[in-house]
Amino acid sequence: MKFTITALLRQREMKLLNEKLLSDLQVRNQQLTSALGNLEQARHDLEGSYIQTVESLAIALEAKDRYTAGHSQRVAKFARLIARSLGMPREEVEIVGQVALLHDIGKIGMLDKILNKPANLTPEEREAIKTHPVVGAQILAPVATFAKHVEGIKHHHEMYDGTGYPGRLKGTEIPLSARIVCLADAFDAMTSTRPYRVGLPLEFAIQEMQKMSGRQFCPDCVEAFVRVLHSTAGADEVGAPAPAAPPVPRATDDPGEGQASHDDAEPLAQLPTGT
């Protein structure tokens, strides 16, 4: 009888102890969940702040030159049109648009005297300009949010025939986002008025893109973009080239075919690439 009572008391003690341990564990789990939630929110806030800073810097970069104001926003608009025409999912379309918006972010650290030099660049300065895709990728790489953006930014100056930079990638070796941005970038460069020339009419720009399809540009991207541009809705969304200051000659101008501004590093193909 005495043994039975002792055993029951021990069972009671074990039950109470287990209940206390379970209660403590639940409290700890709640505390851990709360801490993880706070940590995730802090990470999200930090990345959001970084993104806003980077985008602000991209806008500040364009403010240095009134002739390229709005360039990244226009390239982002064109890139989204191409991506949608290719049938890409909505999430990927938005990523492509963000890649386009930030494609020239690597120029932030470059000297104004190089970016806005009113004379021919030296070979060393041209090489410095050509580093901006890699520098841009390095700026964004630390942020997990940009994991899907980095390669597109790094390779947006690659040409479909393998003559671009920095990696001289060819064809489908080039990330799709980079192929899209390359085309959108060049289209804006062709149709926007610059200090050294008036923007090209839409139909002429289309002809030039088709001419360089398979050489400078991805054929699928060209076909998708032309399909949009030939549609009423697409043409309305693209709109006519915005008026700008009258073109004036500058020391870097080359009136011949294949002309490109010095911030393109060098004309790798017949069409001018964007800034």
Protein backbone atom coordinates (compact mmCIF):
# COMPACT_ATOMS: atom_id res chain seq x y z
CA MET A 1 0.00 0.00 0.00
CA LYS A 2 2.81 2.35 1.00
CA PHE A 3 4.66 1.52 -2.23
CA THR A 4 1.56 2.29 -4.32
CA ILE A 5 1.11 5.72 -2.68
CA THR A 6 4.78 6.56 -3.25
CA ALA A 7 4.54 5.53 -6.89
CA LEU A 8 1.42 7.65 -7.37
CA LEU A 9 3.14 10.65 -5.79
CA ARG A 10 6.10 10.21 -8.11
CA GLN A 11 3.80 9.97 -11.11
CA ARG A 12 2.08 13.15 -9.93
CA GLU A 13 5.44 14.92 -9.59
CA MET A 14 6.54 13.76 -13.03
CA LYS A 15 3.28 14.94 -14.56
CA LEU A 16 3.63 18.37 -12.98
CA LEU A 17 7.27 18.56 -14.06
CA ASN A 18 6.40 17.60 -17.62
CA GLU A 19 3.61 20.17 -17.68
CA LYS A 20 6.03 22.84 -16.45
CA LEU A 21 8.66 21.84 -19.01
CA LEU A 22 6.05 21.89 -21.77
CA SER A 23 4.85 25.30 -20.64
CA ASP A 24 8.41 26.62 -20.54
CA LEU A 25 9.07 25.18 -23.98
CA GLN A 26 5.96 26.84 -25.40
CA VAL A 27 7.02 30.17 -23.92
CA ARG A 28 10.52 29.78 -25.36
CA ASN A 29 9.08 28.86 -28.76
CA GLN A 30 6.88 31.94 -28.69
CA GLN A 31 9.86 34.09 -27.74
CA LEU A 32 11.94 32.53 -30.51
CA THR A 33 9.17 33.01 -33.07
CA SER A 34 8.83 36.63 -32.02
CA ALA A 35 12.59 37.16 -32.20
CA LEU A 36 12.77 35.58 -35.65
CA GLY A 37 9.88 37.73 -36.80
CA ASN A 38 11.61 40.85 -35.54
CA LEU A 39 14.83 39.77 -37.22
CA GLU A 40 13.05 39.13 -40.53
CA GLN A 41 11.32 42.51 -40.30
CA ALA A 42 14.64 44.20 -39.57
CA ARG A 43 16.23 42.44 -42.56
CA HIS A 44 13.29 43.43 -44.76
CA ASP A 45 13.50 47.05 -43.58
CA LEU A 46 17.25 47.10 -44.16
CA GLU A 47 16.92 45.71 -47.68
CA GLY A 48 14.07 48.09 -48.42
CA SER A 49 16.19 51.00 -47.28
CA TYR A 50 19.09 49.77 -49.41
CA ILE A 51 16.86 49.40 -52.46
CA GLN A 52 15.50 52.93 -52.02
CA THR A 53 19.04 54.24 -51.65
CA VAL A 54 20.23 52.47 -54.79
CA GLU A 55 17.24 53.68 -56.81
CA SER A 56 17.79 57.22 -55.53
CA LEU A 57 21.41 57.00 -56.60
CA ALA A 58 20.31 55.82 -60.04
CA ILE A 59 18.12 58.91 -60.36
CA ALA A 60 20.96 61.08 -59.08
CA LEU A 61 23.25 59.56 -61.71
CA GLU A 62 20.89 60.63 -64.49
CA ALA A 63 20.60 64.12 -63.00
CA LYS A 64 24.24 64.69 -63.93
CA ASP A 65 23.31 64.86 -67.61
CA ARG A 66 20.03 66.44 -68.74
CA TYR A 67 20.24 64.60 -72.07
CA THR A 68 19.90 61.21 -70.37
CA ALA A 69 17.29 62.22 -67.78
CA GLY A 70 14.61 59.53 -67.58
CA HIS A 71 16.73 57.05 -69.54
CA SER A 72 16.57 54.24 -66.97
CA GLN A 73 12.82 54.70 -66.47
CA ARG A 74 12.22 54.49 -70.22
CA VAL A 75 14.47 51.44 -70.57
CA ALA A 76 12.53 49.79 -67.73
CA LYS A 77 9.23 50.50 -69.52
CA PHE A 78 10.50 49.07 -72.81
CA ALA A 79 12.02 46.05 -71.06
CA ARG A 80 8.70 45.20 -69.38
CA LEU A 81 6.92 45.44 -72.74
CA ILE A 82 9.41 43.00 -74.27
CA ALA A 83 9.20 40.61 -71.31
CA ARG A 84 5.39 40.56 -71.41
CA SER A 85 5.43 40.02 -75.17
CA LEU A 86 7.72 37.03 -74.60
CA GLY A 87 5.09 35.58 -72.26
CA MET A 88 7.19 35.78 -69.11
CA PRO A 89 5.38 35.39 -65.74
CA ARG A 90 4.43 38.61 -63.95
CA GLU A 91 7.09 38.18 -61.26
CA GLU A 92 9.83 37.76 -63.87
CA VAL A 93 8.54 40.75 -65.84
CA GLU A 94 8.95 42.88 -62.73
CA ILE A 95 12.47 41.56 -62.15
CA VAL A 96 13.39 42.46 -65.73
CA GLY A 97 11.99 45.94 -65.16
CA GLN A 98 14.08 46.35 -62.02
CA VAL A 99 17.20 45.15 -63.82
CA ALA A 100 16.53 47.76 -66.49
CA LEU A 101 15.99 50.50 -63.93
CA LEU A 102 19.33 49.76 -62.29
CA HIS A 103 21.35 48.67 -65.34
CA ASP A 104 23.73 51.66 -65.19
CA ILE A 105 24.04 51.82 -61.40
CA GLY A 106 27.73 50.92 -61.69
CA LYS A 107 28.46 54.39 -63.08
CA ILE A 108 27.71 55.95 -59.69
CA GLY A 109 31.32 55.77 -58.56
CA MET A 110 32.79 57.04 -61.82
CA LEU A 111 34.32 60.48 -62.08
CA ASP A 112 32.14 63.19 -63.60
CA LYS A 113 35.06 64.30 -65.73
CA ILE A 114 34.92 60.92 -67.51
CA LEU A 115 31.13 60.59 -67.78
CA ASN A 116 30.69 64.14 -69.05
CA LYS A 117 33.98 64.64 -70.83
CA PRO A 118 33.43 66.94 -73.86
CA ALA A 119 36.30 65.35 -75.78
CA ASN A 120 37.39 61.92 -76.94
CA LEU A 121 38.07 59.45 -74.17
CA THR A 122 41.51 57.99 -73.78
CA PRO A 123 41.86 54.19 -74.07
CA GLU A 124 42.18 54.04 -70.28
CA GLU A 125 38.99 56.05 -69.79
CA ARG A 126 37.12 53.81 -72.23
CA GLU A 127 38.22 50.77 -70.26
CA ALA A 128 37.05 52.47 -67.06
CA ILE A 129 33.61 53.07 -68.58
CA LYS A 130 33.40 49.42 -69.60
CA THR A 131 33.70 48.33 -65.96
CA HIS A 132 30.30 49.74 -65.00
CA PRO A 133 28.28 46.51 -65.57
CA VAL A 134 30.58 44.55 -63.24
CA VAL A 135 30.68 47.37 -60.68
CA GLY A 136 26.89 47.54 -60.73
CA ALA A 137 26.64 43.81 -60.07
CA GLN A 138 29.09 44.15 -57.17
CA ILE A 139 27.03 46.97 -55.64
CA LEU A 140 23.85 44.88 -55.65
CA ALA A 141 25.31 41.45 -54.87
CA PRO A 142 25.27 41.83 -51.04
CA VAL A 143 21.47 42.19 -51.00
CA ALA A 144 19.58 38.90 -51.15
CA THR A 145 16.63 40.66 -52.78
CA PHE A 146 18.80 41.30 -55.84
CA ALA A 147 20.01 37.72 -56.25
CA LYS A 148 18.00 37.37 -59.48
CA HIS A 149 19.06 40.79 -60.76
CA VAL A 150 22.85 40.69 -60.56
CA GLU A 151 23.61 38.64 -63.68
CA GLY A 152 21.26 40.70 -65.84
CA ILE A 153 22.96 43.91 -64.77
CA LYS A 154 26.42 42.44 -65.18
CA HIS A 155 25.80 41.28 -68.76
CA HIS A 156 23.53 43.97 -70.26
CA HIS A 157 26.32 45.02 -72.67
CA GLU A 158 26.85 41.52 -74.07
CA MET A 159 26.05 41.17 -77.77
CA TYR A 160 24.22 38.18 -79.21
CA ASP A 161 27.14 37.37 -81.53
CA GLY A 162 29.64 37.30 -78.66
CA THR A 163 31.34 40.64 -79.30
CA GLY A 164 30.08 42.39 -76.16
CA TYR A 165 31.46 42.76 -72.65
CA PRO A 166 32.40 41.95 -69.94
CA GLY A 167 32.27 38.21 -70.61
CA ARG A 168 31.92 38.06 -74.41
CA LEU A 169 28.98 35.72 -73.86
CA LYS A 170 27.10 34.54 -76.93
CA GLY A 171 23.48 33.69 -77.71
CA THR A 172 21.60 32.01 -74.90
CA GLU A 173 24.70 32.10 -72.71
CA ILE A 174 23.57 35.67 -72.03
CA PRO A 175 20.89 35.84 -69.29
CA LEU A 176 17.47 36.57 -70.78
CA SER A 177 17.03 39.68 -68.64
CA ALA A 178 20.33 41.03 -70.02
CA ARG A 179 19.27 40.30 -73.62
CA ILE A 180 16.03 42.18 -73.04
CA VAL A 181 17.71 45.17 -71.38
CA CYS A 182 20.35 45.32 -74.13
CA LEU A 183 17.59 45.77 -76.73
CA ALA A 184 15.53 48.19 -74.63
CA ASP A 185 18.67 50.22 -73.85
CA ALA A 186 19.61 50.51 -77.53
CA PHE A 187 16.04 51.37 -78.56
CA ASP A 188 15.99 54.28 -76.13
CA ALA A 189 19.41 55.39 -77.35
CA MET A 190 18.16 55.37 -80.94
CA THR A 191 14.84 57.13 -80.38
CA SER A 192 15.96 59.74 -77.84
CA THR A 193 17.45 63.04 -78.92
CA ARG A 194 21.05 63.40 -77.78
CA PRO A 195 23.50 66.31 -77.93
CA TYR A 196 24.94 64.91 -81.15
CA ARG A 197 21.82 63.76 -83.04
CA VAL A 198 18.03 63.84 -83.19
CA GLY A 199 16.15 60.72 -82.13
CA LEU A 200 15.24 58.29 -84.91
CA PRO A 201 11.61 57.82 -86.04
CA LEU A 202 9.95 54.69 -84.67
CA GLU A 203 9.78 52.80 -87.98
CA PHE A 204 13.43 53.48 -88.73
CA ALA A 205 14.41 52.25 -85.26
CA ILE A 206 12.42 49.07 -85.89
CA GLN A 207 14.25 48.51 -89.19
CA GLU A 208 17.61 48.99 -87.49
CA MET A 209 16.76 46.52 -84.71
CA GLN A 210 15.68 43.94 -87.27
CA LYS A 211 18.88 44.53 -89.23
CA MET A 212 20.96 43.78 -86.11
CA SER A 213 18.84 40.80 -84.99
CA GLY A 214 21.13 37.83 -84.39
CA ARG A 215 24.20 40.07 -84.28
CA GLN A 216 23.74 42.70 -81.62
CA PHE A 217 20.32 41.57 -80.38
CA CYS A 218 18.50 38.37 -79.47
CA PRO A 219 16.16 37.48 -82.37
CA ASP A 220 13.36 36.37 -80.03
CA CYS A 221 13.54 39.68 -78.16
CA VAL A 222 13.51 41.69 -81.39
CA GLU A 223 10.51 39.76 -82.70
CA ALA A 224 8.65 40.23 -79.41
CA PHE A 225 9.39 43.96 -79.25
CA VAL A 226 8.48 44.61 -82.88
CA ARG A 227 5.20 42.76 -82.32
CA VAL A 228 4.42 45.14 -79.46
CA LEU A 229 5.52 48.24 -81.37
CA HIS A 230 3.31 47.32 -84.33
CA SER A 231 0.28 46.99 -82.06
CA THR A 232 -1.78 50.10 -81.39
CA ALA A 233 -1.56 49.69 -77.61
CA GLY A 234 2.18 49.11 -77.72
CA ALA A 235 2.85 52.07 -79.97
CA ASP A 236 0.75 54.30 -77.71
CA GLU A 237 2.60 53.10 -74.61
CA VAL A 238 6.01 53.68 -76.18
CA GLY A 239 4.92 57.03 -77.56
CA ALA A 240 6.82 59.38 -79.81
CA PRO A 241 10.37 60.30 -78.84
CA ALA A 242 10.25 63.07 -76.24
CA PRO A 243 11.44 66.47 -77.44
CA ALA A 244 14.77 67.58 -76.07
CA ALA A 245 17.28 70.36 -76.49
CA PRO A 246 18.46 70.88 -80.08
CA PRO A 247 21.46 68.71 -80.88
CA VAL A 248 24.82 70.44 -80.79
CA PRO A 249 28.16 69.08 -82.00
CA ARG A 250 30.74 67.94 -79.49
CA ALA A 251 34.28 66.71 -79.73
CA THR A 252 33.30 63.06 -79.33
CA ASP A 253 30.80 63.06 -82.18
CA ASP A 254 31.33 60.81 -85.15
CA PRO A 255 28.84 61.66 -87.89
CA GLY A 256 29.30 58.32 -89.58
CA GLU A 257 27.30 55.13 -89.18
CA GLY A 258 28.02 53.24 -86.01
CA GLN A 259 28.18 56.41 -83.95
CA ALA A 260 27.85 55.99 -80.20
CA SER A 261 28.43 58.36 -77.34
CA HIS A 262 31.62 57.90 -75.34
CA ASP A 263 29.73 56.57 -72.32
CA ASP A 264 29.04 53.42 -74.33
CA ALA A 265 32.77 52.69 -74.16
CA GLU A 266 32.93 51.80 -77.84
CA PRO A 267 30.50 51.02 -80.67
CA LEU A 268 30.52 47.24 -80.61
CA ALA A 269 27.98 47.09 -83.41
CA GLN A 270 26.31 49.43 -85.86
CA LEU A 271 23.64 50.60 -83.46
CA PRO A 272 24.33 52.89 -80.52
CA THR A 273 23.89 51.33 -77.12
CA GLY A 274 22.38 53.27 -74.27
CA THR A 275 24.06 55.16 -71.52
